[in-house]
C-alpha atoms as a PDB file:
ATOM      1  CA  MET A   1     -21.053 -20.242  10.521  1.00  0.00           C
ATOM      2  CA  THR A   2     -19.574 -20.796  13.950  1.00  0.00           C
ATOM      3  CA  LEU A   3     -20.107 -23.928  15.981  1.00  0.00           C
ATOM      4  CA  ASP A   4     -19.514 -23.561  19.690  1.00  0.00           C
ATOM      5  CA  LYS A   5     -18.611 -26.291  22.165  1.00  0.00           C
ATOM      6  CA  ILE A   6     -22.269 -27.129  22.906  1.00  0.00           C
ATOM      7  CA  ASP A   7     -23.137 -27.361  19.183  1.00  0.00           C
ATOM      8  CA  ARG A   8     -20.240 -29.766  18.680  1.00  0.00           C
ATOM      9  CA  LYS A   9     -21.319 -31.827  21.674  1.00  0.00           C
ATOM     10  CA  ILE A  10     -24.894 -32.014  20.315  1.00  0.00           C
ATOM     11  CA  LEU A  11     -23.568 -33.096  16.915  1.00  0.00           C
ATOM     12  CA  ALA A  12     -21.316 -35.757  18.444  1.00  0.00           C
ATOM     13  CA  ILE A  13     -24.269 -37.160  20.411  1.00  0.00           C
ATOM     14  CA  LEU A  14     -26.593 -37.185  17.393  1.00  0.00           C
ATOM     15  CA  GLN A  15     -23.930 -38.828  15.212  1.00  0.00           C
ATOM     16  CA  THR A  16     -23.832 -41.659  17.728  1.00  0.00           C
ATOM     17  CA  ASP A  17     -27.606 -41.998  18.113  1.00  0.00           C
ATOM     18  CA  GLY A  18     -29.919 -39.896  15.964  1.00  0.00           C
ATOM     19  CA  ARG A  19     -33.003 -41.406  17.605  1.00  0.00           C
ATOM     20  CA  LEU A  20     -32.419 -39.769  20.961  1.00  0.00           C
ATOM     21  CA  SER A  21     -35.193 -37.471  22.092  1.00  0.00           C
ATOM     22  CA  ASN A  22     -34.523 -33.772  22.475  1.00  0.00           C
ATOM     23  CA  LEU A  23     -34.843 -34.215  26.239  1.00  0.00           C
ATOM     24  CA  GLU A  24     -32.131 -36.924  26.258  1.00  0.00           C
ATOM     25  CA  VAL A  25     -29.789 -34.765  24.159  1.00  0.00           C
ATOM     26  CA  ALA A  26     -30.480 -31.738  26.375  1.00  0.00           C
ATOM     27  CA  GLU A  27     -29.627 -33.719  29.505  1.00  0.00           C
ATOM     28  CA  ARG A  28     -26.339 -34.923  27.998  1.00  0.00           C
ATOM     29  CA  VAL A  29     -25.231 -31.386  27.098  1.00  0.00           C
ATOM     30  CA  ASN A  30     -26.551 -29.834  30.328  1.00  0.00           C
ATOM     31  CA  LEU A  31     -29.148 -27.595  28.677  1.00  0.00           C
ATOM     32  CA  SER A  32     -32.847 -27.282  29.214  1.00  0.00           C
ATOM     33  CA  SER A  33     -35.062 -28.750  26.517  1.00  0.00           C
ATOM     34  CA  SER A  34     -36.058 -25.530  24.700  1.00  0.00           C
ATOM     35  CA  PRO A  35     -32.573 -24.092  24.070  1.00  0.00           C
ATOM     36  CA  CYS A  36     -31.364 -27.522  22.997  1.00  0.00           C
ATOM     37  CA  LEU A  37     -34.210 -27.867  20.501  1.00  0.00           C
ATOM     38  CA  ARG A  38     -33.492 -24.367  19.138  1.00  0.00           C
ATOM     39  CA  ARG A  39     -29.860 -25.331  18.590  1.00  0.00           C
ATOM     40  CA  ILE A  40     -30.778 -28.579  16.831  1.00  0.00           C
ATOM     41  CA  LYS A  41     -33.304 -26.778  14.601  1.00  0.00           C
ATOM     42  CA  ARG A  42     -30.665 -24.145  13.744  1.00  0.00           C
ATOM     43  CA  LEU A  43     -28.141 -26.868  12.866  1.00  0.00           C
ATOM     44  CA  GLU A  44     -30.764 -28.500  10.619  1.00  0.00           C
ATOM     45  CA  GLU A  45     -31.682 -25.193   8.936  1.00  0.00           C
ATOM     46  CA  LEU A  46     -28.017 -24.384   8.307  1.00  0.00           C
ATOM     47  CA  GLY A  47     -27.579 -27.792   6.664  1.00  0.00           C
ATOM     48  CA  VAL A  48     -25.015 -28.956   9.217  1.00  0.00           C
ATOM     49  CA  ILE A  49     -27.422 -31.798   9.994  1.00  0.00           C
ATOM     50  CA  ARG A  50     -28.409 -33.038   6.538  1.00  0.00           C
ATOM     51  CA  GLN A  51     -30.777 -35.853   7.480  1.00  0.00           C
ATOM     52  CA  TYR A  52     -31.551 -38.657   9.892  1.00  0.00           C
ATOM     53  CA  VAL A  53     -31.259 -42.232   8.642  1.00  0.00           C
ATOM     54  CA  ALA A  54     -31.217 -45.869   9.708  1.00  0.00           C
ATOM     55  CA  LEU A  55     -27.881 -47.523   8.916  1.00  0.00           C
ATOM     56  CA  LEU A  56     -28.358 -51.050   7.621  1.00  0.00           C
ATOM     57  CA  ASP A  57     -25.988 -53.987   7.839  1.00  0.00           C
ATOM     58  CA  PRO A  58     -25.372 -54.928   4.179  1.00  0.00           C
ATOM     59  CA  ASN A  59     -24.584 -58.560   5.050  1.00  0.00           C
ATOM     60  CA  LYS A  60     -27.918 -58.998   6.827  1.00  0.00           C
ATOM     61  CA  ILE A  61     -29.860 -57.786   3.793  1.00  0.00           C
ATOM     62  CA  GLY A  62     -28.009 -59.971   1.306  1.00  0.00           C
ATOM     63  CA  LEU A  63     -25.422 -57.475   0.034  1.00  0.00           C
ATOM     64  CA  GLY A  64     -22.320 -59.330   1.164  1.00  0.00           C
ATOM     65  CA  LEU A  65     -19.842 -58.155  -1.481  1.00  0.00           C
ATOM     66  CA  LEU A  66     -18.325 -54.663  -1.349  1.00  0.00           C
ATOM     67  CA  ALA A  67     -16.299 -53.426  -4.305  1.00  0.00           C
ATOM     68  CA  TYR A  68     -14.507 -50.197  -5.014  1.00  0.00           C
ATOM     69  CA  VAL A  69     -14.423 -49.457  -8.722  1.00  0.00           C
ATOM     70  CA  ASN A  70     -12.183 -46.852 -10.331  1.00  0.00           C
ATOM     71  CA  VAL A  71     -13.624 -45.550 -13.579  1.00  0.00           C
ATOM     72  CA  ARG A  72     -11.863 -43.650 -16.354  1.00  0.00           C
ATOM     73  CA  LEU A  73     -13.972 -41.901 -18.950  1.00  0.00           C
ATOM     74  CA  GLU A  74     -13.218 -41.029 -22.533  1.00  0.00           C
ATOM     75  CA  LYS A  75     -12.043 -37.457 -22.860  1.00  0.00           C
ATOM     76  CA  HIS A  76     -14.533 -35.608 -25.037  1.00  0.00           C
ATOM     77  CA  SER A  77     -15.149 -31.898 -25.071  1.00  0.00           C
ATOM     78  CA  ASP A  78     -18.515 -30.517 -24.049  1.00  0.00           C
ATOM     79  CA  ILE A  79     -21.169 -30.935 -26.718  1.00  0.00           C
ATOM     80  CA  PRO A  80     -23.623 -28.050 -27.254  1.00  0.00           C
ATOM     81  CA  SER A  81     -27.311 -28.966 -27.020  1.00  0.00           C
ATOM     82  CA  LYS A  82     -30.655 -27.209 -26.612  1.00  0.00           C
ATOM     83  CA  GLY A  83     -30.482 -27.387 -22.825  1.00  0.00           C
ATOM     84  CA  GLY A  84     -26.900 -26.026 -22.700  1.00  0.00           C
ATOM     85  CA  THR A  85     -23.998 -28.416 -22.976  1.00  0.00           C
ATOM     86  CA  HIS A  86     -23.511 -31.984 -21.975  1.00  0.00           C
ATOM     87  CA  SER A  87     -20.359 -33.962 -21.557  1.00  0.00           C
ATOM     88  CA  PRO A  88     -19.370 -37.556 -20.885  1.00  0.00           C
ATOM     89  CA  ARG A  89     -18.855 -36.510 -17.253  1.00  0.00           C
ATOM     90  CA  SER A  90     -22.360 -35.097 -16.816  1.00  0.00           C
ATOM     91  CA  ASP A  91     -23.900 -38.044 -18.681  1.00  0.00           C
ATOM     92  CA  PHE A  92     -21.992 -40.489 -16.461  1.00  0.00           C
ATOM     93  CA  ALA A  93     -22.915 -38.624 -13.269  1.00  0.00           C
ATOM     94  CA  ALA A  94     -26.598 -38.733 -14.251  1.00  0.00           C
ATOM     95  CA  ALA A  95     -26.400 -42.460 -15.029  1.00  0.00           C
ATOM     96  CA  VAL A  96     -24.660 -43.309 -11.733  1.00  0.00           C
ATOM     97  CA  GLY A  97     -27.540 -41.694  -9.875  1.00  0.00           C
ATOM     98  CA  GLN A  98     -29.842 -44.353 -11.332  1.00  0.00           C
ATOM     99  CA  TRP A  99     -27.735 -47.402 -10.421  1.00  0.00           C
ATOM    100  CA  PRO A 100     -28.846 -48.808  -7.042  1.00  0.00           C
ATOM    101  CA  GLU A 101     -25.678 -50.879  -6.613  1.00  0.00           C
ATOM    102  CA  VAL A 102     -23.607 -47.684  -6.424  1.00  0.00           C
ATOM    103  CA  ILE A 103     -23.967 -46.258  -2.936  1.00  0.00           C
ATOM    104  CA  ALA A 104     -21.256 -43.605  -3.308  1.00  0.00           C
ATOM    105  CA  CYS A 105     -19.538 -41.949  -6.248  1.00  0.00           C
ATOM    106  CA  TYR A 106     -16.681 -39.462  -6.076  1.00  0.00           C
ATOM    107  CA  ALA A 107     -14.976 -37.445  -8.811  1.00  0.00           C
ATOM    108  CA  MET A 108     -11.272 -38.036  -8.278  1.00  0.00           C
ATOM    109  CA  THR A 109      -7.884 -36.586  -9.049  1.00  0.00           C
ATOM    110  CA  GLY A 110      -5.253 -38.812 -10.626  1.00  0.00           C
ATOM    111  CA  GLU A 111      -5.427 -41.194 -13.537  1.00  0.00           C
ATOM    112  CA  MET A 112      -9.011 -42.345 -12.869  1.00  0.00           C
ATOM    113  CA  ASP A 113     -11.983 -40.001 -13.025  1.00  0.00           C
ATOM    114  CA  TYR A 114     -14.391 -41.574 -10.518  1.00  0.00           C
ATOM    115  CA  LEU A 115     -14.393 -43.918  -7.553  1.00  0.00           C
ATOM    116  CA  LEU A 116     -17.547 -45.958  -7.005  1.00  0.00           C
ATOM    117  CA  ARG A 117     -18.496 -47.808  -3.823  1.00  0.00           C
ATOM    118  CA  VAL A 118     -20.597 -50.747  -4.959  1.00  0.00           C
ATOM    119  CA  HIS A 119     -22.607 -53.117  -2.747  1.00  0.00           C
ATOM    120  CA  VAL A 120     -23.873 -56.301  -4.413  1.00  0.00           C
ATOM    121  CA  GLU A 121     -25.098 -59.758  -3.394  1.00  0.00           C
ATOM    122  CA  ASN A 122     -22.171 -61.770  -4.731  1.00  0.00           C
ATOM    123  CA  MET A 123     -19.683 -62.058  -7.590  1.00  0.00           C
ATOM    124  CA  ASP A 124     -22.415 -63.007 -10.089  1.00  0.00           C
ATOM    125  CA  HIS A 125     -24.331 -59.848  -9.206  1.00  0.00           C
ATOM    126  CA  PHE A 126     -21.125 -57.808  -9.538  1.00  0.00           C
ATOM    127  CA  SER A 127     -20.403 -59.368 -12.926  1.00  0.00           C
ATOM    128  CA  ARG A 128     -23.919 -58.524 -14.160  1.00  0.00           C
ATOM    129  CA  PHE A 129     -23.570 -54.944 -12.898  1.00  0.00           C
ATOM    130  CA  MET A 130     -20.226 -54.555 -14.655  1.00  0.00           C
ATOM    131  CA  MET A 131     -21.183 -56.194 -17.952  1.00  0.00           C
ATOM    132  CA  GLU A 132     -24.773 -54.986 -18.296  1.00  0.00           C
ATOM    133  CA  THR A 133     -24.566 -51.556 -16.711  1.00  0.00           C
ATOM    134  CA  LEU A 134     -21.198 -49.948 -16.073  1.00  0.00           C
ATOM    135  CA  LEU A 135     -19.263 -51.159 -19.108  1.00  0.00           C
ATOM    136  CA  ARG A 136     -22.201 -50.438 -21.398  1.00  0.00           C
ATOM    137  CA  HIS A 137     -22.083 -46.740 -20.601  1.00  0.00           C
ATOM    138  CA  SER A 138     -20.751 -45.004 -23.692  1.00  0.00           C
ATOM    139  CA  ALA A 139     -18.297 -42.772 -21.814  1.00  0.00           C
ATOM    140  CA  VAL A 140     -16.560 -45.542 -19.834  1.00  0.00           C
ATOM    141  CA  LEU A 141     -13.080 -46.233 -21.147  1.00  0.00           C
ATOM    142  CA  ASP A 142     -11.504 -48.284 -18.349  1.00  0.00           C
ATOM    143  CA  VAL A 143     -12.364 -49.723 -14.931  1.00  0.00           C
ATOM    144  CA  LYS A 144     -10.307 -51.212 -12.117  1.00  0.00           C
ATOM    145  CA  SER A 145     -12.018 -53.063  -9.295  1.00  0.00           C
ATOM    146  CA  SER A 146     -10.923 -53.944  -5.780  1.00  0.00           C
ATOM    147  CA  PHE A 147     -12.902 -56.034  -3.307  1.00  0.00           C
ATOM    148  CA  ALA A 148     -13.094 -55.527   0.435  1.00  0.00           C
ATOM    149  CA  LEU A 149     -11.866 -58.638   2.230  1.00  0.00           C
ATOM    150  CA  HIS A 150     -12.464 -57.574   5.809  1.00  0.00           C
ATOM    151  CA  GLN A 151     -13.828 -54.400   7.373  1.00  0.00           C
ATOM    152  CA  ILE A 152     -11.358 -52.803   9.771  1.00  0.00           C
ATOM    153  CA  LYS A 153     -13.205 -49.552  10.431  1.00  0.00           C
ATOM    154  CA  GLU A 154     -16.368 -47.911   9.201  1.00  0.00           C
ATOM    155  CA  THR A 155     -18.056 -44.926  10.725  1.00  0.00           C
ATOM    156  CA  THR A 156     -20.491 -42.278   9.643  1.00  0.00           C
ATOM    157  CA  ALA A 157     -19.343 -39.942  12.432  1.00  0.00           C
ATOM    158  CA  LEU A 158     -17.259 -36.980  11.326  1.00  0.00           C
ATOM    159  CA  PRO A 159     -14.454 -35.790  13.605  1.00  0.00           C
ATOM    160  CA  LEU A 160     -15.568 -32.775  15.594  1.00  0.00           C
END
């Protein structure tokens, strides 16, 4: 897949404001409306544009505490089952998908297996999440948490 200069310009504009009309985007990239729309549709079909969302301010919806949690799992080999095999990793990944406090989860290199980005109301909420959810998962061996003190930079825009 090749992105030309106009595609990149369209993507940069949409990363800044995904609510712009096709006409507004077309004007900013010096195209007529129809070719611009065709390009946007192609970028959507190719999966370059995954989705359009509203970005919320966590503080304004009562989620004022941001934690990053490193998780290390027990090392067990894959266990055969009727549906194939399952492992502590696949079980953990499935569980994380059900935890609303976890807004991002990454498999990592290094001594820890996963990095979780966790948004909660306050320290009591974080404690409940840790004690009643994360630490109760059978595969979790160790966790290390860090709390964000002050946001320096946050963007959803990828460098183009």
